[in-house]
Amino acid sequence: MNALQYVVEGGHTLSGTIRPSGNKNGALPIVCAALLTEHPVTLENVPRIRDVETLVELIASAGVDLRWTSRNSLHIHAKTVRSADLDPVLCKRIRASILLAAPLLARCGEIQLPPPGGDVIGRRRVDTHFLALERLGASFRLDDSFHLSTPGLRGADVFLDEPSVTATENAVTAAVAARGTTVLRNAASEPHVQDLCHFLVALGGEIDGIGTNKLTINGGRTLGGTTHRIGPDHIEVGSFIGLAAVTKSEIRIADAGVEHLRSTLMGFARLGISCKIEGPDLVVPAEQEKVIQSDLGGHVPKLEDQPWPAFPADTMSIALVTATQCTGMILIHEKMFESRLFFVDKLVGMGARIVLCDPHRALVSGPSQLRASSVDSPDIRAGMAMLLAALCADGESTINNVGQIERGYERIDERLRDLGAKIERVEDRRAR
């Protein structure tokens, strides 16, 4: 596949309605968990993005019937599943490949899983996954791949050593298949974790405590088929709030999943950006002062990410770019990934006034008039943040390596053009 670029003409006001895609981080574990049942499963509102396409290709290699019945509807029938040698190249493309550990272990009794890939945003340990699976009755060995086997999963009292989202998803999927009761403590509770739990319940699983940090799973029940709709992506919603703010535009975000936006709206309010909830929609008004709210006593405020229900880590890059267009000073504290702020130098090159204090903290002073530039997209979220910067910058910017953005945002260039953005997706000029 040829490398692609976005050519973006900045400085245009946008308007209209945009609808968030299905949650990428909900779709990936749910597609994997569909392997638990021998009965057909239909998933709707599945984002047609590269990470999902790669996972579908990977699962098909295990003998599972998967096919797209429409652009965003996926039929999965795991009547039989074989413990295949999973393609290490495909596994390396996405971190979500690790989510196959629990369902394949439950169905096949063993799995050899090549190391997962994904964004390079810092050290992303996988220990929690295997510690949890060991507690549920799996044996684990590591050489060039992860080797897992079990004579049969069994319920247990499991305390996760960190509230890892993907480890929680692997653990709860395994617990549904395990015989007996599992109590999962220090569990992640993000919207996509809740969506996975609701899907497993729809299959016939029994899970109490959904949305909390303690899940009780009565496992070993007979599972059937179901039709399930993936919930809206709250990270996309945060991206569109930032988009409206930096381009001084009024945008309506339809079916925004407003019940999951409290921390996101609170974080943007700290930047002086207000939103209106109108039924299931979120409206970002065009005319806003965008004055950063100082802490009591006039102290420099701080916006930091933490595990759910606090401000989402995946929205931090968007918030940082948005802060460059707001009046005042704020400390952006990215606690969870030590490489996520390494795109800041690209913003500084565009004219942003940012001091990168260390790998986790950046001091932003705004507003700054950004200048067009040619930049790379280092990961999904930083890539989207750079796209926002280009849309409010003076002149024509080029964003390279847009495959990273398209791993997480479906047809984003088309959807932004529908709002009036001047953006073209072209073959990488440097490759000619």
Protein backbone atom coordinates (compact mmCIF):
# COMPACT_ATOMS: atom_id res chain seq x y z
CA MET A 1 0.00 0.00 0.00
CA ASN A 2 1.32 3.43 -0.96
CA ALA A 3 2.12 5.86 1.84
CA LEU A 4 -0.47 8.57 2.20
CA GLN A 5 -0.55 12.19 3.31
CA TYR A 6 -3.16 14.73 4.30
CA VAL A 7 -2.78 18.14 2.67
CA VAL A 8 -4.61 20.60 4.90
CA GLU A 9 -5.44 24.26 4.28
CA GLY A 10 -5.92 25.84 7.68
CA GLY A 11 -7.83 28.83 8.95
CA HIS A 12 -11.34 27.87 7.80
CA THR A 13 -14.42 27.92 10.00
CA LEU A 14 -16.38 24.66 10.05
CA SER A 15 -20.05 23.95 10.67
CA GLY A 16 -22.52 21.10 10.69
CA THR A 17 -23.13 17.78 12.39
CA ILE A 18 -20.71 14.92 12.86
CA ARG A 19 -21.43 11.53 14.36
CA PRO A 20 -18.76 9.64 16.33
CA SER A 21 -17.84 6.19 15.10
CA GLY A 22 -18.24 3.10 17.19
CA ASN A 23 -15.66 2.93 19.96
CA LYS A 24 -12.45 1.41 18.59
CA ASN A 25 -11.39 0.26 22.04
CA GLY A 26 -14.81 -1.32 22.55
CA ALA A 27 -14.98 -3.06 19.17
CA LEU A 28 -11.59 -4.77 19.45
CA PRO A 29 -12.23 -6.72 22.70
CA ILE A 30 -15.83 -7.47 21.69
CA VAL A 31 -14.73 -8.97 18.34
CA CYS A 32 -12.28 -11.15 20.26
CA ALA A 33 -14.84 -12.12 22.93
CA ALA A 34 -17.24 -13.27 20.19
CA LEU A 35 -14.96 -16.32 19.87
CA LEU A 36 -16.25 -17.60 23.24
CA THR A 37 -19.53 -18.77 21.72
CA GLU A 38 -20.20 -21.36 19.04
CA HIS A 39 -23.27 -19.40 17.92
CA PRO A 40 -23.46 -16.55 15.39
CA VAL A 41 -22.85 -13.00 16.57
CA THR A 42 -23.67 -9.79 14.70
CA LEU A 43 -21.88 -6.62 15.70
CA GLU A 44 -23.21 -3.26 14.52
CA ASN A 45 -21.58 0.19 14.45
CA VAL A 46 -18.15 -1.41 14.15
CA PRO A 47 -15.58 1.21 13.07
CA ARG A 48 -14.07 0.21 9.71
CA ILE A 49 -10.53 1.16 10.60
CA ARG A 50 -7.17 -0.47 10.10
CA ASP A 51 -6.86 -1.91 13.59
CA VAL A 52 -10.23 -3.66 13.27
CA GLU A 53 -9.45 -4.90 9.76
CA THR A 54 -6.14 -6.32 10.98
CA LEU A 55 -7.85 -8.08 13.90
CA VAL A 56 -10.48 -9.58 11.56
CA GLU A 57 -7.72 -10.91 9.32
CA LEU A 58 -5.91 -12.34 12.32
CA ILE A 59 -9.00 -14.10 13.70
CA ALA A 60 -9.90 -15.52 10.29
CA SER A 61 -6.55 -17.36 10.35
CA ALA A 62 -7.89 -19.32 13.36
CA GLY A 63 -10.65 -20.83 11.23
CA VAL A 64 -13.44 -18.45 12.27
CA ASP A 65 -16.11 -17.31 9.82
CA LEU A 66 -16.05 -13.50 9.71
CA ARG A 67 -17.61 -11.30 7.06
CA TRP A 68 -18.77 -7.73 6.71
CA THR A 69 -22.52 -7.69 5.97
CA SER A 70 -22.50 -3.91 5.51
CA ARG A 71 -19.88 -1.22 5.93
CA ASN A 72 -20.11 -1.23 9.73
CA SER A 73 -21.79 -4.57 10.51
CA LEU A 74 -19.67 -7.64 11.16
CA HIS A 75 -20.91 -11.25 11.27
CA ILE A 76 -18.81 -13.63 13.39
CA HIS A 77 -19.46 -17.36 13.70
CA ALA A 78 -16.82 -19.22 15.71
CA LYS A 79 -18.46 -22.64 15.36
CA THR A 80 -14.98 -24.08 15.36
CA VAL A 81 -11.76 -22.42 16.45
CA ARG A 82 -8.35 -23.92 15.96
CA SER A 83 -5.28 -23.13 18.00
CA ALA A 84 -3.46 -21.79 14.99
CA ASP A 85 -0.05 -20.22 14.79
CA LEU A 86 -1.07 -16.60 14.74
CA ASP A 87 0.75 -14.44 12.20
CA PRO A 88 3.45 -12.51 14.10
CA VAL A 89 3.41 -9.74 11.48
CA LEU A 90 -0.31 -9.11 12.03
CA CYS A 91 0.08 -9.37 15.81
CA LYS A 92 2.84 -6.78 15.72
CA ARG A 93 0.58 -4.28 13.96
CA ILE A 94 -1.93 -4.00 16.81
CA ARG A 95 -1.79 -4.19 20.56
CA ALA A 96 -5.30 -5.69 20.54
CA SER A 97 -3.90 -9.04 19.43
CA ILE A 98 -3.26 -9.74 23.11
CA LEU A 99 -7.05 -9.78 23.63
CA LEU A 100 -7.15 -13.13 21.83
CA ALA A 101 -5.43 -14.77 24.80
CA ALA A 102 -8.57 -15.33 26.89
CA PRO A 103 -11.06 -16.54 24.24
CA LEU A 104 -8.58 -18.82 22.45
CA LEU A 105 -7.40 -20.24 25.76
CA ALA A 106 -11.02 -20.91 26.75
CA ARG A 107 -11.93 -22.53 23.42
CA CYS A 108 -8.70 -24.39 22.59
CA GLY A 109 -7.02 -24.96 25.95
CA GLU A 110 -3.76 -23.49 24.68
CA ILE A 111 -2.42 -20.59 22.67
CA GLN A 112 0.90 -19.38 21.34
CA LEU A 113 0.66 -15.60 21.05
CA PRO A 114 3.36 -13.52 19.33
CA PRO A 115 4.20 -10.23 21.08
CA PRO A 116 1.58 -7.53 20.42
CA GLY A 117 2.37 -4.22 18.73
CA GLY A 118 0.53 -0.91 18.69
CA ASP A 119 1.43 2.71 19.38
CA VAL A 120 4.87 3.49 20.76
CA ILE A 121 3.77 5.84 23.54
CA GLY A 122 5.84 4.44 26.37
CA ARG A 123 6.28 1.23 28.26
CA ARG A 124 3.08 -0.79 28.04
CA ARG A 125 3.53 -3.81 30.27
CA VAL A 126 1.56 -7.00 29.72
CA ASP A 127 2.36 -8.66 33.05
CA THR A 128 -1.11 -7.94 34.45
CA HIS A 129 -2.76 -10.02 31.70
CA PHE A 130 -0.81 -13.14 32.48
CA LEU A 131 -0.92 -12.76 36.25
CA ALA A 132 -4.73 -12.64 35.99
CA LEU A 133 -4.93 -15.61 33.61
CA GLU A 134 -2.64 -17.63 35.88
CA ARG A 135 -4.99 -16.94 38.79
CA LEU A 136 -7.81 -18.30 36.63
CA GLY A 137 -6.00 -21.57 36.00
CA ALA A 138 -3.64 -20.98 33.09
CA SER A 139 0.02 -21.93 32.90
CA PHE A 140 2.33 -19.39 31.30
CA ARG A 141 5.71 -19.58 29.59
CA LEU A 142 7.63 -16.91 27.68
CA ASP A 143 10.29 -17.30 25.00
CA ASP A 144 9.88 -15.62 21.59
CA SER A 145 6.11 -15.82 22.10
CA PHE A 146 3.67 -16.10 24.98
CA HIS A 147 2.65 -19.72 25.59
CA LEU A 148 -0.53 -20.29 27.59
CA SER A 149 -2.30 -23.55 28.40
CA THR A 150 -4.98 -24.74 30.78
CA PRO A 151 -6.76 -28.00 31.68
CA GLY A 152 -9.81 -25.81 32.31
CA LEU A 153 -10.31 -22.27 33.53
CA ARG A 154 -11.71 -21.90 37.05
CA GLY A 155 -13.07 -18.97 39.02
CA ALA A 156 -10.83 -17.14 41.48
CA ASP A 157 -10.45 -14.00 43.54
CA VAL A 158 -8.25 -11.83 41.30
CA PHE A 159 -6.67 -8.51 42.25
CA LEU A 160 -5.16 -6.72 39.25
CA ASP A 161 -1.87 -5.06 40.12
CA GLU A 162 -2.94 -2.08 37.98
CA PRO A 163 -6.35 -1.10 36.55
CA SER A 164 -5.26 -1.98 33.01
CA VAL A 165 -8.06 -1.75 30.45
CA THR A 166 -6.94 -4.61 28.22
CA ALA A 167 -5.96 -6.81 31.18
CA THR A 168 -9.43 -6.27 32.66
CA GLU A 169 -10.95 -7.22 29.31
CA ASN A 170 -8.90 -10.41 29.07
CA ALA A 171 -9.67 -11.30 32.67
CA VAL A 172 -13.43 -10.74 32.46
CA THR A 173 -13.63 -12.67 29.17
CA ALA A 174 -11.74 -15.59 30.70
CA ALA A 175 -13.87 -15.43 33.85
CA VAL A 176 -17.10 -15.77 31.85
CA ALA A 177 -15.74 -19.02 30.42
CA ALA A 178 -14.29 -20.25 33.75
CA ARG A 179 -16.24 -22.61 36.01
CA GLY A 180 -17.27 -20.98 39.26
CA THR A 181 -17.29 -17.46 40.60
CA THR A 182 -14.60 -14.87 39.92
CA VAL A 183 -14.24 -11.63 41.83
CA LEU A 184 -12.16 -9.18 39.81
CA ARG A 185 -10.81 -6.33 41.92
CA ASN A 186 -9.09 -3.09 40.85
CA ALA A 187 -10.72 -3.55 37.47
CA ALA A 188 -10.78 -0.82 34.84
CA SER A 189 -14.22 0.66 34.26
CA GLU A 190 -13.91 2.72 31.05
CA PRO A 191 -16.97 2.93 28.75
CA HIS A 192 -15.49 0.33 26.41
CA VAL A 193 -14.91 -2.08 29.32
CA GLN A 194 -18.56 -1.61 30.26
CA ASP A 195 -19.58 -2.25 26.64
CA LEU A 196 -17.64 -5.53 26.61
CA CYS A 197 -19.36 -6.60 29.84
CA HIS A 198 -22.79 -5.80 28.41
CA PHE A 199 -21.93 -7.86 25.31
CA LEU A 200 -20.85 -10.83 27.43
CA VAL A 201 -24.11 -10.56 29.40
CA ALA A 202 -26.03 -10.54 26.09
CA LEU A 203 -24.28 -13.83 25.20
CA GLY A 204 -25.55 -15.33 28.46
CA GLY A 205 -22.79 -14.42 30.90
CA GLU A 206 -23.54 -13.21 34.41
CA ILE A 207 -21.61 -10.13 35.55
CA ASP A 208 -22.39 -7.89 38.50
CA GLY A 209 -20.78 -4.50 39.21
CA ILE A 210 -20.50 -3.26 35.62
CA GLY A 211 -19.11 0.29 35.68
CA THR A 212 -17.33 -0.20 39.00
CA ASN A 213 -13.85 -1.37 39.95
CA LYS A 214 -15.14 -4.68 41.36
CA LEU A 215 -16.70 -7.20 39.00
CA THR A 216 -18.28 -10.45 40.12
CA ILE A 217 -18.59 -13.03 37.35
CA ASN A 218 -20.50 -16.30 37.68
CA GLY A 219 -18.76 -18.24 34.94
CA GLY A 220 -19.26 -21.44 33.03
CA ARG A 221 -22.77 -20.64 31.79
CA THR A 222 -23.91 -21.77 28.36
CA LEU A 223 -23.40 -18.96 25.86
CA GLY A 224 -25.58 -18.23 22.82
CA GLY A 225 -25.55 -15.73 19.99
CA THR A 226 -26.60 -12.09 19.96
CA THR A 227 -26.73 -8.85 18.02
CA HIS A 228 -24.87 -6.03 19.73
CA ARG A 229 -24.29 -2.39 18.80
CA ILE A 230 -20.90 -0.90 19.66
CA GLY A 231 -21.24 2.32 21.67
CA PRO A 232 -19.98 5.73 20.47
CA ASP A 233 -16.29 6.55 20.84
CA HIS A 234 -15.89 9.10 23.65
CA ILE A 235 -12.33 9.80 22.48
CA GLU A 236 -13.64 10.84 19.07
CA VAL A 237 -16.13 13.08 20.85
CA GLY A 238 -13.27 14.73 22.74
CA SER A 239 -11.41 15.15 19.45
CA PHE A 240 -14.42 16.90 17.90
CA ILE A 241 -14.79 19.22 20.89
CA GLY A 242 -11.16 20.24 20.35
CA LEU A 243 -11.78 20.57 16.61
CA ALA A 244 -14.65 22.99 17.16
CA ALA A 245 -12.65 25.02 19.68
CA VAL A 246 -9.47 25.47 17.64
CA THR A 247 -11.34 26.35 14.42
CA LYS A 248 -13.81 28.67 16.23
CA SER A 249 -16.69 26.65 14.83
CA GLU A 250 -20.11 25.52 15.98
CA ILE A 251 -20.34 21.75 15.62
CA ARG A 252 -23.08 19.38 16.69
CA ILE A 253 -21.85 15.94 17.75
CA ALA A 254 -24.78 13.59 17.23
CA ASP A 255 -25.43 10.59 19.51
CA ALA A 256 -22.39 11.53 21.56
CA GLY A 257 -22.87 9.12 24.44
CA VAL A 258 -23.27 12.04 26.82
CA GLU A 259 -23.56 9.75 29.87
CA HIS A 260 -19.83 9.04 29.56
CA LEU A 261 -18.61 12.63 29.03
CA ARG A 262 -18.52 14.14 32.52
CA SER A 263 -14.74 14.10 32.94
CA THR A 264 -14.16 15.12 29.31
CA LEU A 265 -16.47 18.13 29.61
CA MET A 266 -14.91 19.10 32.94
CA GLY A 267 -11.42 19.00 31.40
CA PHE A 268 -12.38 21.20 28.44
CA ALA A 269 -14.22 23.57 30.80
CA ARG A 270 -10.86 24.13 32.51
CA LEU A 271 -9.65 25.41 29.13
CA GLY A 272 -12.63 27.77 28.96
CA ILE A 273 -14.61 25.68 26.49
CA SER A 274 -18.27 25.01 27.25
CA CYS A 275 -20.61 22.58 25.55
CA LYS A 276 -24.38 22.18 25.54
CA ILE A 277 -26.11 18.84 25.95
CA GLU A 278 -29.22 18.64 23.77
CA GLY A 279 -30.83 15.23 24.21
CA PRO A 280 -28.36 12.63 22.92
CA ASP A 281 -26.30 15.30 21.12
CA LEU A 282 -23.50 17.60 22.23
CA VAL A 283 -23.23 21.08 20.74
CA VAL A 284 -20.00 23.09 20.86
CA PRO A 285 -20.83 26.80 20.31
CA ALA A 286 -18.61 28.88 18.04
CA GLU A 287 -18.37 32.06 20.10
CA GLN A 288 -16.39 31.25 23.24
CA GLU A 289 -13.84 33.25 25.20
CA LYS A 290 -11.59 30.19 25.70
CA VAL A 291 -9.94 31.60 28.81
CA ILE A 292 -8.07 29.01 30.86
CA GLN A 293 -9.55 28.83 34.36
CA SER A 294 -6.89 29.54 36.99
CA ASP A 295 -6.93 27.66 40.28
CA LEU A 296 -8.03 29.49 43.43
CA GLY A 297 -5.55 32.23 44.31
CA GLY A 298 -4.58 32.70 40.67
CA HIS A 299 -2.33 29.63 40.56
CA VAL A 300 -1.49 27.93 37.25
CA PRO A 301 -4.04 25.15 36.75
CA LYS A 302 -3.24 21.57 35.80
CA LEU A 303 -5.03 19.14 33.50
CA GLU A 304 -4.06 15.54 34.18
CA ASP A 305 -5.20 12.12 33.06
CA GLN A 306 -6.01 9.24 35.36
CA PRO A 307 -7.87 5.93 35.09
CA TRP A 308 -11.59 6.21 34.45
CA PRO A 309 -13.72 8.06 35.42
CA ALA A 310 -11.06 10.81 35.37
CA PHE A 311 -9.94 12.66 32.21
CA PRO A 312 -9.04 10.06 29.55
CA ALA A 313 -5.38 9.55 28.65
CA ASP A 314 -6.28 9.25 24.95
CA THR A 315 -7.72 12.80 24.97
CA MET A 316 -4.59 14.45 26.40
CA SER A 317 -2.95 15.12 23.02
CA ILE A 318 -6.15 16.81 21.81
CA ALA A 319 -6.39 18.91 24.99
CA LEU A 320 -2.78 20.04 24.61
CA VAL A 321 -3.32 21.35 21.07
CA THR A 322 -6.58 22.97 22.15
CA ALA A 323 -4.76 24.76 25.00
CA THR A 324 -2.48 26.48 22.47
CA GLN A 325 -5.56 28.35 21.23
CA CYS A 326 -6.81 29.38 24.67
CA THR A 327 -5.86 32.46 26.69
CA GLY A 328 -3.71 31.75 29.71
CA MET A 329 -1.32 29.14 30.99
CA ILE A 330 -1.90 25.50 31.97
CA LEU A 331 0.23 22.52 32.94
CA ILE A 332 -0.63 19.39 30.95
CA HIS A 333 0.35 16.37 33.06
CA GLU A 334 0.31 13.10 31.12
CA LYS A 335 0.79 10.54 33.90
CA MET A 336 0.24 7.26 32.13
CA PHE A 337 2.57 7.11 29.11
CA GLU A 338 6.07 8.57 29.10
CA SER A 339 6.31 9.02 25.31
CA ARG A 340 2.90 10.49 24.54
CA LEU A 341 4.09 14.13 24.70
CA PHE A 342 7.00 13.65 22.32
CA PHE A 343 5.05 15.30 19.49
CA VAL A 344 5.27 18.66 21.30
CA ASP A 345 8.38 19.67 19.35
CA LYS A 346 6.28 19.59 16.17
CA LEU A 347 3.82 22.04 17.70
CA VAL A 348 6.65 24.29 18.86
CA GLY A 349 7.91 24.28 15.28
CA MET A 350 4.47 25.51 14.21
CA GLY A 351 4.67 28.44 16.64
CA ALA A 352 3.10 27.04 19.81
CA ARG A 353 4.47 28.34 23.11
CA ILE A 354 5.10 25.15 25.04
CA VAL A 355 7.80 24.14 27.48
CA LEU A 356 8.24 20.37 27.70
CA CYS A 357 9.27 20.06 31.33
CA ASP A 358 9.90 16.30 31.22
CA PRO A 359 8.37 13.24 29.45
CA HIS A 360 5.15 13.66 31.42
CA ARG A 361 4.59 17.43 31.75
CA ALA A 362 4.19 20.31 29.32
CA LEU A 363 3.52 23.95 30.19
CA VAL A 364 1.32 25.61 27.56
CA SER A 365 0.86 29.37 27.19
CA GLY A 366 -1.73 30.61 24.74
CA PRO A 367 -3.11 31.71 22.47
CA SER A 368 -0.56 31.16 19.71
CA GLN A 369 -1.08 31.66 16.00
CA LEU A 370 0.17 28.42 14.48
CA ARG A 371 2.00 28.30 11.16
CA ALA A 372 1.61 25.64 8.50
CA SER A 373 4.21 22.90 8.47
CA SER A 374 5.04 19.42 7.21
CA VAL A 375 4.79 17.01 10.13
CA ASP A 376 4.61 13.28 10.81
CA SER A 377 1.87 11.43 12.65
CA PRO A 378 3.70 9.48 15.40
CA ASP A 379 0.67 7.64 16.82
CA ILE A 380 -3.12 7.66 16.56
CA ARG A 381 -3.88 10.38 19.11
CA ALA A 382 -0.89 12.64 18.42
CA GLY A 383 -1.67 12.31 14.72
CA MET A 384 -5.22 13.55 15.26
CA ALA A 385 -3.87 16.35 17.43
CA MET A 386 -1.53 17.43 14.62
CA LEU A 387 -4.48 17.39 12.22
CA LEU A 388 -6.33 19.80 14.52
CA ALA A 389 -3.24 22.01 14.65
CA ALA A 390 -3.07 22.05 10.83
CA LEU A 391 -6.76 22.98 10.57
CA CYS A 392 -6.27 26.14 12.63
CA ALA A 393 -2.81 27.08 11.29
CA ASP A 394 -2.07 29.74 8.68
CA GLY A 395 -1.32 28.18 5.30
CA GLU A 396 -1.11 24.68 3.86
CA SER A 397 0.22 21.87 6.04
CA THR A 398 1.19 18.35 5.09
CA ILE A 399 0.69 15.48 7.53
CA ASN A 400 2.68 12.36 6.76
CA ASN A 401 2.20 8.80 7.94
CA VAL A 402 -1.58 9.25 8.15
CA GLY A 403 -2.00 5.50 8.35
CA GLN A 404 -1.47 6.00 12.07
CA ILE A 405 -4.49 8.32 12.28
CA GLU A 406 -6.59 5.97 10.17
CA ARG A 407 -5.88 3.12 12.58
CA GLY A 408 -8.24 4.89 14.98
CA TYR A 409 -10.43 7.35 13.03
CA GLU A 410 -12.70 6.09 10.28
CA ARG A 411 -12.78 8.12 7.03
CA ILE A 412 -11.76 11.17 9.04
CA ASP A 413 -10.83 13.21 5.95
CA GLU A 414 -14.26 12.65 4.37
CA ARG A 415 -16.11 13.43 7.58
CA LEU A 416 -14.15 16.64 8.14
CA ARG A 417 -14.75 17.73 4.54
CA ASP A 418 -18.48 17.36 5.23
CA LEU A 419 -17.99 20.06 7.90
CA GLY A 420 -16.21 22.35 5.45
CA ALA A 421 -12.59 21.45 6.17
CA LYS A 422 -10.07 21.85 3.35
CA ILE A 423 -8.33 18.49 3.52
CA GLU A 424 -7.17 16.13 0.80
CA ARG A 425 -5.86 12.58 1.15
CA VAL A 426 -3.09 12.09 -1.40
CA GLU A 427 -0.25 9.75 -2.20
CA ASP A 428 2.90 10.68 -0.32
CA ARG A 429 4.75 13.16 -2.51
CA ARG A 430 8.06 12.12 -0.96
CA ALA A 431 7.62 8.58 -2.35
CA ARG A 432 7.57 9.74 -5.95
